[in-house]
Protein backbone atom coordinates (compact mmCIF):
# COMPACT_ATOMS: atom_id res chain seq x y z
CA UNK A 1 40.12 98.90 -90.55
CA UNK A 2 43.88 99.14 -91.01
CA UNK A 3 43.46 99.78 -94.74
CA UNK A 4 41.21 102.75 -94.05
CA UNK A 5 43.64 104.16 -91.50
CA UNK A 6 46.57 103.78 -93.90
CA UNK A 7 44.59 105.33 -96.75
CA UNK A 8 43.49 108.26 -94.61
CA UNK A 9 47.06 108.79 -93.44
CA UNK A 10 48.32 108.83 -97.03
CA UNK A 11 45.64 111.33 -98.11
CA UNK A 12 46.46 113.66 -95.20
CA UNK A 13 50.18 113.44 -95.97
CA UNK A 14 49.67 114.21 -99.67
CA UNK A 15 47.29 117.10 -98.92
CA UNK A 16 49.74 118.62 -96.44
CA UNK A 17 52.60 118.34 -98.94
CA UNK A 18 50.45 119.94 -101.66
CA UNK A 19 49.42 122.90 -99.50
CA UNK A 20 53.01 123.60 -98.46
CA UNK A 21 54.15 123.36 -102.08
CA UNK A 22 51.50 125.86 -103.22
CA UNK A 23 52.34 128.38 -100.49
CA UNK A 24 56.06 128.09 -101.21
CA UNK A 25 55.42 128.45 -104.93
CA UNK A 26 53.49 131.72 -104.52
CA UNK A 27 56.22 133.36 -102.45
CA UNK A 28 58.94 132.02 -104.70
CA UNK A 29 57.26 133.41 -107.82
CA UNK A 30 56.91 136.91 -106.37
CA UNK A 31 60.51 137.03 -105.19
CA UNK A 32 61.73 135.40 -108.35
CA UNK A 33 60.17 138.11 -110.48
CA UNK A 34 62.09 140.83 -108.71
CA UNK A 35 65.34 138.90 -108.60
CA UNK A 36 65.08 137.98 -112.28
CA UNK A 37 64.64 141.58 -113.28
CA UNK A 38 67.64 142.70 -111.23
CA UNK A 39 69.83 139.84 -112.40
CA UNK A 40 68.90 140.46 -116.05
CA UNK A 41 70.00 144.08 -115.70
CA UNK A 42 73.35 143.06 -114.22
CA UNK A 43 74.06 140.35 -116.81
CA UNK A 44 73.06 142.60 -119.71
CA UNK A 45 75.53 145.21 -118.52
CA UNK A 46 78.35 142.67 -118.18
CA UNK A 47 77.74 140.89 -121.49
CA UNK A 48 74.93 140.73 -124.07
CA UNK A 49 71.22 139.86 -123.51
CA UNK A 50 71.67 136.37 -125.03
CA UNK A 51 74.15 135.48 -122.28
CA UNK A 52 71.72 136.81 -119.66
CA UNK A 53 68.91 134.65 -121.06
CA UNK A 54 71.04 131.50 -121.04
CA UNK A 55 72.23 132.00 -117.47
CA UNK A 56 68.75 132.76 -116.13
CA UNK A 57 67.14 129.87 -118.04
CA UNK A 58 69.68 127.35 -116.78
CA UNK A 59 69.37 128.60 -113.21
CA UNK A 60 65.57 128.42 -113.22
CA UNK A 61 65.66 124.94 -114.70
CA UNK A 62 68.03 123.71 -111.98
CA UNK A 63 66.00 125.31 -109.18
CA UNK A 64 62.83 123.76 -110.59
CA UNK A 65 64.42 120.31 -110.51
CA UNK A 66 65.48 120.82 -106.89
CA UNK A 67 61.95 121.79 -105.79
CA UNK A 68 60.46 118.89 -107.73
CA UNK A 69 62.75 116.53 -105.84
CA UNK A 70 61.82 118.09 -102.49
CA UNK A 71 58.09 117.74 -103.15
CA UNK A 72 58.65 114.11 -104.15
CA UNK A 73 60.49 113.42 -100.87
CA UNK A 74 57.88 115.17 -98.70
CA UNK A 75 55.01 113.15 -100.15
CA UNK A 76 56.86 109.85 -99.84
CA UNK A 77 57.11 108.93 -96.16
CA UNK A 78 56.95 105.48 -94.66
CA UNK A 79 53.57 104.26 -93.51
CA UNK A 80 52.75 104.43 -89.83
CA UNK A 81 50.98 101.61 -88.09
CA UNK A 82 47.70 102.46 -86.38
CA UNK A 83 47.89 102.82 -82.61
CA UNK A 84 47.12 99.61 -80.79
CA UNK A 85 44.49 99.81 -78.08
CA UNK A 86 45.82 99.40 -74.55
CA UNK A 87 45.12 96.07 -72.90
CA UNK A 88 42.34 96.28 -70.33
CA UNK A 89 43.71 94.88 -67.08
CA UNK A 90 41.09 96.40 -64.83
CA UNK A 91 43.60 98.43 -62.81
CA UNK A 92 44.76 101.97 -63.19
CA UNK A 93 48.35 102.68 -64.31
CA UNK A 94 49.20 104.30 -60.97
CA UNK A 95 48.13 101.14 -59.15
CA UNK A 96 50.35 99.06 -61.42
CA UNK A 97 53.27 101.40 -60.80
CA UNK A 98 52.83 101.23 -57.02
CA UNK A 99 52.54 97.44 -57.19
CA UNK A 100 55.76 97.22 -59.22
CA UNK A 101 57.56 99.49 -56.76
CA UNK A 102 56.44 97.39 -53.80
CA UNK A 103 57.46 94.15 -55.51
CA UNK A 104 60.91 95.61 -56.17
CA UNK A 105 61.17 96.83 -52.60
CA UNK A 106 60.28 93.38 -51.24
CA UNK A 107 62.75 91.73 -53.60
CA UNK A 108 65.49 94.07 -52.39
CA UNK A 109 64.66 93.37 -48.75
CA UNK A 110 64.69 89.62 -49.32
CA UNK A 111 68.14 89.69 -50.97
CA UNK A 112 69.53 91.88 -48.23
CA UNK A 113 68.27 89.44 -45.58
CA UNK A 114 69.91 86.40 -47.24
CA UNK A 115 73.29 88.09 -47.50
CA UNK A 116 73.39 88.89 -43.79
CA UNK A 117 72.51 85.35 -42.84
CA UNK A 118 75.24 83.97 -45.15
CA UNK A 119 77.94 86.04 -43.41
CA UNK A 120 77.31 84.70 -39.90
């Protein structure tokens, strides 16, 4: 049973990472098209088109490596253990809490009584 839970958890984690990567990729490509065009125009005015191509190619390569590393980290989380079922004691949690409170109250009263008797 634990193997199935771990496998299902891994599949959900990988699917979630894939969906977020695809959505991010779409928006990045649209924005990147406009930014590339504008940056090419600026670099071509400052120097020649060969310089513009080298700068843009190196930048895109570096950004691609960064996003590849991020997607690798998102898909690689530690495994979670399946939740353990609560022990059946036959009493409700509120009853256990009241019982614990009363036990503590009685313990406090008993220590208070022994201190007074020790003083006299």
